[in-house]
C-alpha atoms as a PDB file:
ATOM      1  CA  UNK A   1       7.828   4.456  29.395  1.00  0.00           C
ATOM      2  CA  UNK A   2       9.374   4.288  25.845  1.00  0.00           C
ATOM      3  CA  UNK A   3       7.838   5.747  22.826  1.00  0.00           C
ATOM      4  CA  UNK A   4       4.886   3.612  21.463  1.00  0.00           C
ATOM      5  CA  UNK A   5       1.845   3.624  19.274  1.00  0.00           C
ATOM      6  CA  UNK A   6      -1.037   2.309  21.214  1.00  0.00           C
ATOM      7  CA  UNK A   7      -3.873   1.002  18.979  1.00  0.00           C
ATOM      8  CA  UNK A   8      -7.234   2.092  20.552  1.00  0.00           C
ATOM      9  CA  UNK A   9      -9.496   0.578  17.785  1.00  0.00           C
ATOM     10  CA  UNK A  10      -8.491  -1.494  14.710  1.00  0.00           C
ATOM     11  CA  UNK A  11     -10.082  -2.211  11.435  1.00  0.00           C
ATOM     12  CA  UNK A  12     -10.383  -5.779  10.285  1.00  0.00           C
ATOM     13  CA  UNK A  13      -7.323  -5.955   8.069  1.00  0.00           C
ATOM     14  CA  UNK A  14      -4.369  -4.257  10.082  1.00  0.00           C
ATOM     15  CA  UNK A  15      -1.061  -6.118  10.041  1.00  0.00           C
ATOM     16  CA  UNK A  16       2.803  -5.091  10.291  1.00  0.00           C
ATOM     17  CA  UNK A  17       4.352  -5.174   6.945  1.00  0.00           C
ATOM     18  CA  UNK A  18       7.745  -4.817   5.600  1.00  0.00           C
ATOM     19  CA  UNK A  19       9.509  -6.101   2.287  1.00  0.00           C
ATOM     20  CA  UNK A  20       8.958  -9.695   3.011  1.00  0.00           C
ATOM     21  CA  UNK A  21      10.709 -12.919   3.299  1.00  0.00           C
ATOM     22  CA  UNK A  22      13.118 -13.948   0.507  1.00  0.00           C
ATOM     23  CA  UNK A  23      14.315 -17.574   0.032  1.00  0.00           C
ATOM     24  CA  UNK A  24      11.751 -19.576   1.491  1.00  0.00           C
ATOM     25  CA  UNK A  25       9.637 -20.560  -1.477  1.00  0.00           C
ATOM     26  CA  UNK A  26      11.156 -24.070  -1.465  1.00  0.00           C
ATOM     27  CA  UNK A  27      10.017 -24.682   2.074  1.00  0.00           C
ATOM     28  CA  UNK A  28       6.359 -23.547   1.299  1.00  0.00           C
ATOM     29  CA  UNK A  29       6.590 -20.086   2.329  1.00  0.00           C
ATOM     30  CA  UNK A  30       5.782 -17.187  -0.150  1.00  0.00           C
ATOM     31  CA  UNK A  31       7.474 -13.890   0.046  1.00  0.00           C
ATOM     32  CA  UNK A  32       4.611 -11.960   1.965  1.00  0.00           C
ATOM     33  CA  UNK A  33       5.357  -8.339   2.769  1.00  0.00           C
ATOM     34  CA  UNK A  34       3.582  -5.157   1.666  1.00  0.00           C
ATOM     35  CA  UNK A  35       1.223  -5.684  -1.279  1.00  0.00           C
ATOM     36  CA  UNK A  36       2.197  -2.065  -2.185  1.00  0.00           C
ATOM     37  CA  UNK A  37       5.992  -1.784  -2.201  1.00  0.00           C
ATOM     38  CA  UNK A  38       6.009   1.753  -3.594  1.00  0.00           C
ATOM     39  CA  UNK A  39       3.646   2.901  -0.690  1.00  0.00           C
ATOM     40  CA  UNK A  40       5.890   1.259   1.985  1.00  0.00           C
ATOM     41  CA  UNK A  41       8.984   2.964   0.429  1.00  0.00           C
ATOM     42  CA  UNK A  42       7.178   6.260   0.449  1.00  0.00           C
ATOM     43  CA  UNK A  43       6.342   6.011   4.084  1.00  0.00           C
ATOM     44  CA  UNK A  44       9.876   5.189   5.001  1.00  0.00           C
ATOM     45  CA  UNK A  45      11.341   8.180   3.090  1.00  0.00           C
ATOM     46  CA  UNK A  46       8.957  10.425   4.907  1.00  0.00           C
ATOM     47  CA  UNK A  47       9.867   9.373   8.315  1.00  0.00           C
ATOM     48  CA  UNK A  48      13.447   8.647   7.499  1.00  0.00           C
ATOM     49  CA  UNK A  49      13.521   5.127   8.137  1.00  0.00           C
ATOM     50  CA  UNK A  50      16.237   2.863   6.237  1.00  0.00           C
ATOM     51  CA  UNK A  51      14.551  -0.470   6.920  1.00  0.00           C
ATOM     52  CA  UNK A  52      10.809  -0.072   5.827  1.00  0.00           C
ATOM     53  CA  UNK A  53       8.220  -1.207   8.475  1.00  0.00           C
ATOM     54  CA  UNK A  54       4.501   0.000   8.434  1.00  0.00           C
ATOM     55  CA  UNK A  55       1.092  -0.831   9.782  1.00  0.00           C
ATOM     56  CA  UNK A  56      -0.844  -2.004   6.468  1.00  0.00           C
ATOM     57  CA  UNK A  57      -4.432  -1.302   6.639  1.00  0.00           C
ATOM     58  CA  UNK A  58      -6.935  -3.130   4.384  1.00  0.00           C
ATOM     59  CA  UNK A  59      -9.954  -1.039   3.572  1.00  0.00           C
ATOM     60  CA  UNK A  60     -10.055   0.819   6.843  1.00  0.00           C
ATOM     61  CA  UNK A  61      -7.767   2.129   9.394  1.00  0.00           C
ATOM     62  CA  UNK A  62      -8.327   2.645  13.104  1.00  0.00           C
ATOM     63  CA  UNK A  63      -7.637   4.817  16.119  1.00  0.00           C
ATOM     64  CA  UNK A  64      -4.043   5.317  17.518  1.00  0.00           C
ATOM     65  CA  UNK A  65      -2.401   7.121  20.260  1.00  0.00           C
ATOM     66  CA  UNK A  66       1.064   8.367  20.853  1.00  0.00           C
ATOM     67  CA  UNK A  67       2.479   7.412  24.102  1.00  0.00           C
ATOM     68  CA  UNK A  68       5.700   8.272  25.796  1.00  0.00           C
ATOM     69  CA  UNK A  69       6.766  10.840  23.333  1.00  0.00           C
ATOM     70  CA  UNK A  70       5.638  12.689  20.218  1.00  0.00           C
ATOM     71  CA  UNK A  71       5.732  10.503  17.183  1.00  0.00           C
ATOM     72  CA  UNK A  72       6.525  11.189  13.546  1.00  0.00           C
ATOM     73  CA  UNK A  73       4.157   9.659  11.298  1.00  0.00           C
ATOM     74  CA  UNK A  74       3.413   9.392   7.523  1.00  0.00           C
ATOM     75  CA  UNK A  75       0.212   8.362   5.600  1.00  0.00           C
ATOM     76  CA  UNK A  76       0.773   6.570   2.334  1.00  0.00           C
ATOM     77  CA  UNK A  77      -0.902   4.020  -0.125  1.00  0.00           C
ATOM     78  CA  UNK A  78      -4.616   4.180  -0.797  1.00  0.00           C
ATOM     79  CA  UNK A  79      -6.072   7.554   0.504  1.00  0.00           C
ATOM     80  CA  UNK A  80      -8.021   7.257   3.622  1.00  0.00           C
ATOM     81  CA  UNK A  81      -9.764   9.882   5.776  1.00  0.00           C
ATOM     82  CA  UNK A  82      -7.580  10.978   8.592  1.00  0.00           C
ATOM     83  CA  UNK A  83      -7.389  13.452  11.588  1.00  0.00           C
ATOM     84  CA  UNK A  84      -5.377  14.083  14.544  1.00  0.00           C
ATOM     85  CA  UNK A  85      -7.508  15.309  17.485  1.00  0.00           C
ATOM     86  CA  UNK A  86     -10.355  16.170  15.190  1.00  0.00           C
ATOM     87  CA  UNK A  87      -8.218  17.953  12.598  1.00  0.00           C
ATOM     88  CA  UNK A  88      -7.957  16.606   9.298  1.00  0.00           C
ATOM     89  CA  UNK A  89      -4.668  15.802   7.905  1.00  0.00           C
ATOM     90  CA  UNK A  90      -3.065  15.403   4.585  1.00  0.00           C
ATOM     91  CA  UNK A  91      -2.592  11.944   2.789  1.00  0.00           C
ATOM     92  CA  UNK A  92       0.882  11.104   1.261  1.00  0.00           C
ATOM     93  CA  UNK A  93       2.357  13.311   3.906  1.00  0.00           C
ATOM     94  CA  UNK A  94       4.241  13.183   7.110  1.00  0.00           C
ATOM     95  CA  UNK A  95       2.719  14.807  10.530  1.00  0.00           C
ATOM     96  CA  UNK A  96       3.613  15.112  14.245  1.00  0.00           C
ATOM     97  CA  UNK A  97       1.536  13.079  16.324  1.00  0.00           C
ATOM     98  CA  UNK A  98       1.852  14.809  19.887  1.00  0.00           C
ATOM     99  CA  UNK A  99       2.287  12.597  22.975  1.00  0.00           C
ATOM    100  CA  UNK A 100      -1.428  11.801  24.155  1.00  0.00           C
ATOM    101  CA  UNK A 101      -2.914  12.813  20.695  1.00  0.00           C
ATOM    102  CA  UNK A 102      -5.030  10.495  18.948  1.00  0.00           C
ATOM    103  CA  UNK A 103      -4.974   9.790  15.255  1.00  0.00           C
ATOM    104  CA  UNK A 104      -8.125   8.537  13.521  1.00  0.00           C
ATOM    105  CA  UNK A 105      -8.035   6.872  10.183  1.00  0.00           C
ATOM    106  CA  UNK A 106     -11.253   5.845   8.472  1.00  0.00           C
ATOM    107  CA  UNK A 107     -12.061   4.204   5.442  1.00  0.00           C
ATOM    108  CA  UNK A 108     -10.522   4.222   1.738  1.00  0.00           C
ATOM    109  CA  UNK A 109     -11.656   6.774  -0.491  1.00  0.00           C
ATOM    110  CA  UNK A 110      -9.770   5.248  -3.443  1.00  0.00           C
ATOM    111  CA  UNK A 111      -7.772   1.937  -3.626  1.00  0.00           C
ATOM    112  CA  UNK A 112      -7.689  -0.791  -1.023  1.00  0.00           C
ATOM    113  CA  UNK A 113      -4.558  -0.826   1.022  1.00  0.00           C
ATOM    114  CA  UNK A 114      -3.264   2.260   3.287  1.00  0.00           C
ATOM    115  CA  UNK A 115      -0.030   2.544   5.297  1.00  0.00           C
ATOM    116  CA  UNK A 116       0.924   4.264   8.534  1.00  0.00           C
ATOM    117  CA  UNK A 117       4.492   4.555   9.185  1.00  0.00           C
ATOM    118  CA  UNK A 118       6.018   5.629  12.282  1.00  0.00           C
ATOM    119  CA  UNK A 119       9.627   6.855  12.742  1.00  0.00           C
ATOM    120  CA  UNK A 120      11.606   4.058  14.706  1.00  0.00           C
ATOM    121  CA  UNK A 121       8.590   1.519  14.498  1.00  0.00           C
ATOM    122  CA  UNK A 122      10.189  -1.948  15.346  1.00  0.00           C
ATOM    123  CA  UNK A 123       9.068  -5.478  15.983  1.00  0.00           C
ATOM    124  CA  UNK A 124      11.085  -8.757  16.289  1.00  0.00           C
ATOM    125  CA  UNK A 125      12.288 -10.620  13.205  1.00  0.00           C
ATOM    126  CA  UNK A 126      10.982 -13.906  12.434  1.00  0.00           C
ATOM    127  CA  UNK A 127      12.799 -15.896   9.508  1.00  0.00           C
ATOM    128  CA  UNK A 128      14.609 -12.709   8.680  1.00  0.00           C
ATOM    129  CA  UNK A 129      11.384 -10.407   8.457  1.00  0.00           C
ATOM    130  CA  UNK A 130       8.983  -8.595  10.569  1.00  0.00           C
ATOM    131  CA  UNK A 131       6.099  -9.027   8.459  1.00  0.00           C
ATOM    132  CA  UNK A 132       3.067 -10.891   9.497  1.00  0.00           C
ATOM    133  CA  UNK A 133       2.392 -13.591   7.046  1.00  0.00           C
ATOM    134  CA  UNK A 134      -1.338 -14.428   8.132  1.00  0.00           C
ATOM    135  CA  UNK A 135      -1.734 -17.285   5.812  1.00  0.00           C
ATOM    136  CA  UNK A 136       1.371 -19.054   7.171  1.00  0.00           C
ATOM    137  CA  UNK A 137       0.430 -18.211  10.965  1.00  0.00           C
ATOM    138  CA  UNK A 138       3.107 -15.777  11.243  1.00  0.00           C
ATOM    139  CA  UNK A 139       2.366 -12.667  13.309  1.00  0.00           C
ATOM    140  CA  UNK A 140      -1.296 -11.652  13.917  1.00  0.00           C
ATOM    141  CA  UNK A 141      -3.874  -9.154  12.790  1.00  0.00           C
ATOM    142  CA  UNK A 142      -3.378  -6.001  14.991  1.00  0.00           C
ATOM    143  CA  UNK A 143      -6.282  -5.297  17.378  1.00  0.00           C
ATOM    144  CA  UNK A 144      -7.144  -2.655  20.049  1.00  0.00           C
ATOM    145  CA  UNK A 145      -4.899  -2.831  23.048  1.00  0.00           C
ATOM    146  CA  UNK A 146      -1.707  -3.896  20.865  1.00  0.00           C
ATOM    147  CA  UNK A 147       1.361  -1.170  21.524  1.00  0.00           C
ATOM    148  CA  UNK A 148       4.047  -0.994  19.041  1.00  0.00           C
ATOM    149  CA  UNK A 149       7.506   0.272  19.931  1.00  0.00           C
ATOM    150  CA  UNK A 150       8.645   3.328  18.354  1.00  0.00           C
ATOM    151  CA  UNK A 151      10.952   6.499  18.793  1.00  0.00           C
ATOM    152  CA  UNK A 152      10.466  10.000  19.511  1.00  0.00           C
ATOM    153  CA  UNK A 153       9.956  12.317  16.688  1.00  0.00           C
ATOM    154  CA  UNK A 154      13.299  13.284  14.907  1.00  0.00           C
ATOM    155  CA  UNK A 155      11.512  16.402  13.350  1.00  0.00           C
ATOM    156  CA  UNK A 156       7.968  17.843  13.215  1.00  0.00           C
ATOM    157  CA  UNK A 157       7.192  16.399   9.885  1.00  0.00           C
ATOM    158  CA  UNK A 158       5.420  18.618   7.394  1.00  0.00           C
ATOM    159  CA  UNK A 159       6.681  16.900   4.350  1.00  0.00           C
ATOM    160  CA  UNK A 160       4.688  15.286   1.180  1.00  0.00           C
ATOM    161  CA  UNK A 161       5.252  13.293  -1.885  1.00  0.00           C
ATOM    162  CA  UNK A 162       3.261  13.568  -5.025  1.00  0.00           C
ATOM    163  CA  UNK A 163       0.340  11.115  -5.485  1.00  0.00           C
ATOM    164  CA  UNK A 164      -0.146   9.088  -8.584  1.00  0.00           C
ATOM    165  CA  UNK A 165      -3.336   7.089  -9.625  1.00  0.00           C
ATOM    166  CA  UNK A 166      -2.363   3.379  -9.001  1.00  0.00           C
ATOM    167  CA  UNK A 167      -5.559   2.797  -7.199  1.00  0.00           C
ATOM    168  CA  UNK A 168      -8.198   2.618  -9.681  1.00  0.00           C
ATOM    169  CA  UNK A 169      -7.227  -0.593 -11.844  1.00  0.00           C
ATOM    170  CA  UNK A 170      -6.475  -0.257 -15.411  1.00  0.00           C
ATOM    171  CA  UNK A 171      -4.395  -2.097 -17.892  1.00  0.00           C
ATOM    172  CA  UNK A 172      -2.086  -4.982 -16.178  1.00  0.00           C
ATOM    173  CA  UNK A 173       0.881  -6.278 -18.324  1.00  0.00           C
ATOM    174  CA  UNK A 174       1.283 -10.121 -18.363  1.00  0.00           C
ATOM    175  CA  UNK A 175       4.106 -12.395 -19.467  1.00  0.00           C
ATOM    176  CA  UNK A 176       3.287 -15.894 -20.795  1.00  0.00           C
ATOM    177  CA  UNK A 177       3.452 -18.488 -18.196  1.00  0.00           C
ATOM    178  CA  UNK A 178       3.923 -22.174 -17.981  1.00  0.00           C
ATOM    179  CA  UNK A 179       0.795 -23.053 -19.476  1.00  0.00           C
ATOM    180  CA  UNK A 180       0.015 -20.251 -21.671  1.00  0.00           C
ATOM    181  CA  UNK A 181       0.579 -22.223 -24.831  1.00  0.00           C
ATOM    182  CA  UNK A 182      -2.166 -24.710 -23.693  1.00  0.00           C
ATOM    183  CA  UNK A 183      -4.732 -21.903 -24.094  1.00  0.00           C
ATOM    184  CA  UNK A 184      -5.584 -21.522 -27.876  1.00  0.00           C
ATOM    185  CA  UNK A 185      -5.145 -18.175 -29.807  1.00  0.00           C
ATOM    186  CA  UNK A 186      -8.821 -17.387 -29.544  1.00  0.00           C
ATOM    187  CA  UNK A 187      -8.841 -17.689 -25.818  1.00  0.00           C
ATOM    188  CA  UNK A 188      -5.807 -15.468 -25.325  1.00  0.00           C
ATOM    189  CA  UNK A 189      -7.316 -12.945 -27.659  1.00  0.00           C
ATOM    190  CA  UNK A 190     -10.530 -12.944 -25.833  1.00  0.00           C
ATOM    191  CA  UNK A 191      -8.359 -12.391 -22.429  1.00  0.00           C
ATOM    192  CA  UNK A 192      -6.702  -9.303 -23.870  1.00  0.00           C
ATOM    193  CA  UNK A 193     -10.044  -8.109 -24.912  1.00  0.00           C
ATOM    194  CA  UNK A 194     -12.424  -8.687 -21.932  1.00  0.00           C
ATOM    195  CA  UNK A 195     -13.146  -5.965 -19.521  1.00  0.00           C
ATOM    196  CA  UNK A 196     -12.779  -7.568 -16.230  1.00  0.00           C
ATOM    197  CA  UNK A 197     -13.660  -6.141 -12.777  1.00  0.00           C
ATOM    198  CA  UNK A 198     -11.938  -6.641  -9.577  1.00  0.00           C
ATOM    199  CA  UNK A 199     -14.037  -9.305  -7.494  1.00  0.00           C
ATOM    200  CA  UNK A 200     -14.947  -8.463  -3.888  1.00  0.00           C
ATOM    201  CA  UNK A 201     -13.453 -11.890  -3.326  1.00  0.00           C
ATOM    202  CA  UNK A 202      -9.988 -10.626  -2.799  1.00  0.00           C
ATOM    203  CA  UNK A 203      -7.267 -10.795  -0.034  1.00  0.00           C
ATOM    204  CA  UNK A 204      -3.694 -10.717   0.386  1.00  0.00           C
ATOM    205  CA  UNK A 205      -3.420 -14.075  -1.184  1.00  0.00           C
ATOM    206  CA  UNK A 206      -5.183 -13.311  -4.486  1.00  0.00           C
ATOM    207  CA  UNK A 207      -7.717 -11.314  -6.287  1.00  0.00           C
ATOM    208  CA  UNK A 208     -10.591 -13.030  -8.487  1.00  0.00           C
ATOM    209  CA  UNK A 209     -11.359 -11.192 -11.886  1.00  0.00           C
ATOM    210  CA  UNK A 210     -14.872 -11.215 -12.492  1.00  0.00           C
ATOM    211  CA  UNK A 211     -16.250 -10.820 -16.165  1.00  0.00           C
ATOM    212  CA  UNK A 212     -19.288 -11.361 -18.461  1.00  0.00           C
ATOM    213  CA  UNK A 213     -19.428 -14.156 -20.731  1.00  0.00           C
ATOM    214  CA  UNK A 214     -17.955 -17.639 -21.116  1.00  0.00           C
ATOM    215  CA  UNK A 215     -14.952 -18.692 -18.826  1.00  0.00           C
ATOM    216  CA  UNK A 216     -11.389 -19.424 -19.878  1.00  0.00           C
ATOM    217  CA  UNK A 217     -10.079 -22.985 -20.173  1.00  0.00           C
ATOM    218  CA  UNK A 218      -7.329 -25.038 -21.722  1.00  0.00           C
ATOM    219  CA  UNK A 219      -6.865 -28.035 -23.414  1.00  0.00           C
ATOM    220  CA  UNK A 220      -5.171 -29.662 -20.466  1.00  0.00           C
ATOM    221  CA  UNK A 221      -7.413 -27.820 -17.769  1.00  0.00           C
ATOM    222  CA  UNK A 222      -7.958 -31.377 -15.839  1.00  0.00           C
ATOM    223  CA  UNK A 223      -4.484 -32.898 -16.403  1.00  0.00           C
ATOM    224  CA  UNK A 224      -2.137 -30.567 -14.412  1.00  0.00           C
ATOM    225  CA  UNK A 225      -0.338 -31.802 -11.577  1.00  0.00           C
ATOM    226  CA  UNK A 226       0.234 -29.478  -8.682  1.00  0.00           C
ATOM    227  CA  UNK A 227       3.517 -27.535  -9.097  1.00  0.00           C
ATOM    228  CA  UNK A 228       5.261 -24.211  -7.959  1.00  0.00           C
ATOM    229  CA  UNK A 229       3.487 -21.000  -8.198  1.00  0.00           C
ATOM    230  CA  UNK A 230       4.428 -17.488  -7.392  1.00  0.00           C
ATOM    231  CA  UNK A 231       2.872 -14.018  -6.780  1.00  0.00           C
ATOM    232  CA  UNK A 232       1.549 -12.690 -10.160  1.00  0.00           C
ATOM    233  CA  UNK A 233       0.666 -16.040 -11.631  1.00  0.00           C
ATOM    234  CA  UNK A 234      -2.803 -15.760 -13.047  1.00  0.00           C
ATOM    235  CA  UNK A 235      -4.625 -19.013 -12.553  1.00  0.00           C
ATOM    236  CA  UNK A 236      -7.752 -20.197 -14.228  1.00  0.00           C
ATOM    237  CA  UNK A 237      -9.850 -21.657 -11.392  1.00  0.00           C
ATOM    238  CA  UNK A 238     -12.672 -24.010 -11.827  1.00  0.00           C
ATOM    239  CA  UNK A 239     -15.422 -21.678 -12.928  1.00  0.00           C
ATOM    240  CA  UNK A 240     -12.901 -20.128 -15.592  1.00  0.00           C
ATOM    241  CA  UNK A 241     -12.428 -16.902 -13.895  1.00  0.00           C
ATOM    242  CA  UNK A 242      -8.794 -15.719 -13.824  1.00  0.00           C
ATOM    243  CA  UNK A 243      -7.500 -15.405 -10.343  1.00  0.00           C
ATOM    244  CA  UNK A 244      -4.277 -13.152  -9.728  1.00  0.00           C
ATOM    245  CA  UNK A 245      -2.148 -14.502  -7.100  1.00  0.00           C
ATOM    246  CA  UNK A 246      -0.839 -11.944  -4.707  1.00  0.00           C
ATOM    247  CA  UNK A 247       1.870 -11.742  -1.766  1.00  0.00           C
ATOM    248  CA  UNK A 248       0.562 -14.504   0.536  1.00  0.00           C
ATOM    249  CA  UNK A 249      -0.449 -16.881  -2.099  1.00  0.00           C
ATOM    250  CA  UNK A 250       0.270 -20.786  -1.566  1.00  0.00           C
ATOM    251  CA  UNK A 251       3.378 -22.028  -3.166  1.00  0.00           C
ATOM    252  CA  UNK A 252       2.128 -24.887  -5.237  1.00  0.00           C
ATOM    253  CA  UNK A 253      -1.184 -25.245  -7.137  1.00  0.00           C
ATOM    254  CA  UNK A 254      -2.489 -27.421  -9.997  1.00  0.00           C
ATOM    255  CA  UNK A 255      -4.651 -24.887 -11.789  1.00  0.00           C
ATOM    256  CA  UNK A 256      -3.441 -23.688 -15.262  1.00  0.00           C
ATOM    257  CA  UNK A 257      -1.903 -20.498 -15.458  1.00  0.00           C
ATOM    258  CA  UNK A 258      -2.678 -18.304 -18.436  1.00  0.00           C
ATOM    259  CA  UNK A 259      -0.081 -15.599 -17.697  1.00  0.00           C
ATOM    260  CA  UNK A 260       1.892 -13.836 -15.085  1.00  0.00           C
ATOM    261  CA  UNK A 261       1.567 -10.336 -13.965  1.00  0.00           C
ATOM    262  CA  UNK A 262       4.698  -8.357 -14.393  1.00  0.00           C
ATOM    263  CA  UNK A 263       6.297  -7.305 -10.885  1.00  0.00           C
ATOM    264  CA  UNK A 264       5.899  -3.731 -11.797  1.00  0.00           C
ATOM    265  CA  UNK A 265       2.055  -4.133 -11.919  1.00  0.00           C
ATOM    266  CA  UNK A 266       1.162  -6.471  -9.197  1.00  0.00           C
ATOM    267  CA  UNK A 267       0.519  -3.714  -6.671  1.00  0.00           C
ATOM    268  CA  UNK A 268      -2.047  -2.135  -9.365  1.00  0.00           C
ATOM    269  CA  UNK A 269      -4.126  -5.490  -8.927  1.00  0.00           C
ATOM    270  CA  UNK A 270      -3.845  -5.360  -5.127  1.00  0.00           C
ATOM    271  CA  UNK A 271      -4.775  -1.838  -4.787  1.00  0.00           C
ATOM    272  CA  UNK A 272      -7.810  -1.732  -7.171  1.00  0.00           C
ATOM    273  CA  UNK A 273     -10.902  -1.608  -5.227  1.00  0.00           C
ATOM    274  CA  UNK A 274     -13.660  -4.072  -5.827  1.00  0.00           C
ATOM    275  CA  UNK A 275     -15.615  -3.158  -8.963  1.00  0.00           C
ATOM    276  CA  UNK A 276     -12.525  -1.343 -10.594  1.00  0.00           C
ATOM    277  CA  UNK A 277     -11.891  -2.325 -14.225  1.00  0.00           C
ATOM    278  CA  UNK A 278      -8.619  -4.461 -14.976  1.00  0.00           C
ATOM    279  CA  UNK A 279      -7.657  -5.376 -18.717  1.00  0.00           C
ATOM    280  CA  UNK A 280      -4.789  -7.797 -19.315  1.00  0.00           C
ATOM    281  CA  UNK A 281      -2.008  -7.124 -22.086  1.00  0.00           C
ATOM    282  CA  UNK A 282       0.734  -9.611 -22.843  1.00  0.00           C
ATOM    283  CA  UNK A 283       4.245  -7.905 -23.235  1.00  0.00           C
ATOM    284  CA  UNK A 284       7.609  -9.240 -23.865  1.00  0.00           C
ATOM    285  CA  UNK A 285      10.428 -10.254 -21.372  1.00  0.00           C
ATOM    286  CA  UNK A 286      12.313  -7.235 -22.385  1.00  0.00           C
ATOM    287  CA  UNK A 287       9.432  -4.883 -21.957  1.00  0.00           C
ATOM    288  CA  UNK A 288       8.700  -6.547 -18.464  1.00  0.00           C
ATOM    289  CA  UNK A 289      12.491  -6.201 -17.379  1.00  0.00           C
ATOM    290  CA  UNK A 290      12.373  -2.468 -18.500  1.00  0.00           C
ATOM    291  CA  UNK A 291       9.215  -1.773 -16.614  1.00  0.00           C
ATOM    292  CA  UNK A 292      10.826  -3.442 -13.518  1.00  0.00           C
ATOM    293  CA  UNK A 293      13.830  -1.254 -13.701  1.00  0.00           C
ATOM    294  CA  UNK A 294      11.773   1.861 -14.204  1.00  0.00           C
ATOM    295  CA  UNK A 295       9.867   0.855 -10.984  1.00  0.00           C
ATOM    296  CA  UNK A 296      13.063   0.587  -8.975  1.00  0.00           C
ATOM    297  CA  UNK A 297      14.383   3.939 -10.364  1.00  0.00           C
ATOM    298  CA  UNK A 298      10.909   5.404  -9.231  1.00  0.00           C
ATOM    299  CA  UNK A 299      11.599   4.036  -5.665  1.00  0.00           C
ATOM    300  CA  UNK A 300      15.385   5.099  -5.560  1.00  0.00           C
ATOM    301  CA  UNK A 301      14.398   8.752  -6.751  1.00  0.00           C
ATOM    302  CA  UNK A 302      11.531   9.192  -3.806  1.00  0.00           C
ATOM    303  CA  UNK A 303      13.985  11.396  -1.564  1.00  0.00           C
ATOM    304  CA  UNK A 304      14.210  13.732  -4.447  1.00  0.00           C
ATOM    305  CA  UNK A 305      10.639  14.394  -4.629  1.00  0.00           C
ATOM    306  CA  UNK A 306       9.954  15.134  -1.062  1.00  0.00           C
ATOM    307  CA  UNK A 307       8.743  18.616  -0.577  1.00  0.00           C
ATOM    308  CA  UNK A 308       7.601  20.808   2.248  1.00  0.00           C
ATOM    309  CA  UNK A 309       3.738  20.681   2.634  1.00  0.00           C
ATOM    310  CA  UNK A 310       1.671  23.724   2.103  1.00  0.00           C
ATOM    311  CA  UNK A 311      -1.164  23.917   4.623  1.00  0.00           C
ATOM    312  CA  UNK A 312      -4.602  25.451   4.265  1.00  0.00           C
ATOM    313  CA  UNK A 313      -5.111  28.111   7.007  1.00  0.00           C
ATOM    314  CA  UNK A 314      -8.136  26.394   8.039  1.00  0.00           C
ATOM    315  CA  UNK A 315      -6.195  23.285   9.101  1.00  0.00           C
ATOM    316  CA  UNK A 316      -3.777  25.232  11.448  1.00  0.00           C
ATOM    317  CA  UNK A 317      -5.406  25.130  14.881  1.00  0.00           C
ATOM    318  CA  UNK A 318      -2.650  27.646  16.056  1.00  0.00           C
ATOM    319  CA  UNK A 319      -2.912  29.979  13.269  1.00  0.00           C
ATOM    320  CA  UNK A 320      -3.084  33.005  15.584  1.00  0.00           C
ATOM    321  CA  UNK A 321       0.117  32.240  17.361  1.00  0.00           C
ATOM    322  CA  UNK A 322       2.162  32.486  13.955  1.00  0.00           C
ATOM    323  CA  UNK A 323       3.799  36.022  13.167  1.00  0.00           C
ATOM    324  CA  UNK A 324       2.002  36.234   9.788  1.00  0.00           C
ATOM    325  CA  UNK A 325       2.639  39.834   9.148  1.00  0.00           C
ATOM    326  CA  UNK A 326       5.654  41.991  10.489  1.00  0.00           C
ATOM    327  CA  UNK A 327       5.722  45.615  10.578  1.00  0.00           C
ATOM    328  CA  UNK A 328       1.789  46.144  10.217  1.00  0.00           C
ATOM    329  CA  UNK A 329       0.172  49.586  11.324  1.00  0.00           C
ATOM    330  CA  UNK A 330      -3.311  50.456  12.483  1.00  0.00           C
ATOM    331  CA  UNK A 331      -5.571  51.662   9.942  1.00  0.00           C
ATOM    332  CA  UNK A 332      -6.922  54.102  12.422  1.00  0.00           C
ATOM    333  CA  UNK A 333      -3.717  55.558  13.583  1.00  0.00           C
ATOM    334  CA  UNK A 334      -2.132  58.849  12.180  1.00  0.00           C
ATOM    335  CA  UNK A 335       1.408  57.716  11.291  1.00  0.00           C
ATOM    336  CA  UNK A 336       2.282  61.055   9.763  1.00  0.00           C
ATOM    337  CA  UNK A 337       1.193  62.979  12.865  1.00  0.00           C
ATOM    338  CA  UNK A 338       3.068  60.864  14.921  1.00  0.00           C
ATOM    339  CA  UNK A 339       6.324  61.603  13.032  1.00  0.00           C
ATOM    340  CA  UNK A 340       5.697  65.326  13.367  1.00  0.00           C
END
């Protein structure tokens, strides 16, 4: 039997994700792909994958068993509780999952989406990608009983990457969009000054921003024809609440767009847990392009940031098998008398 990941139990939001599908927007298919591209890239670096593919886990993970061979895994994205055969393991790090061992991943402790990468993980391509696009009916939610093909572990792991804090919301930068100038200056000022909270009504398609006070509306709110929309667009829906479109959004819509979240900040919206604060701030195109370039450089620099993971002695089940001290002598032995 070839190496495989056997899913023993699955949370409600597990799916295979890569970088998504490019070039199908005109045909009615949005890009899709992992909502946190940095986490996907981190996992790929930790397991040595050139073509990133991972199990995206929304809110909670599941139970996974290595079959056919030892597997090399990496855990990235929103931190979740995790253990291998009852021994807790570190997040943002790579680990060896021995053949027959069980990896248990619980709920998120911060953020929304965690990622399980496995060396050699593969799946058939559909329209040039292996991502599940659930809104379009491509692929499916992973469930108990699924087996995913992988490759035997190339090494024992034990590497890690530094973690940042992109899981707690914060300031999200906007570019003016097609209908921004249809909102008056007072409304745009109020948008930047309002303290929003990410609504629990969020998915891979988009996230509603909750707030106190009156809603947001434009002079042409009811006169907009359905037109092309893209991930990052901030639509003002019927109740006046901003709704940020994410990776699996539809490709056309008729709600006015008050702005568009820049690509460098879109994962911050997706990763914010329900109830986390979000604020909007308009920036220039030059600032947005600079932020995009910085985000790309961050991904390119990941291999240089990988370091060996230092483990706590309490996390090493076979600690006594290591030769921790060499040349030790007994405290009760008379070494001088022996030499005489």
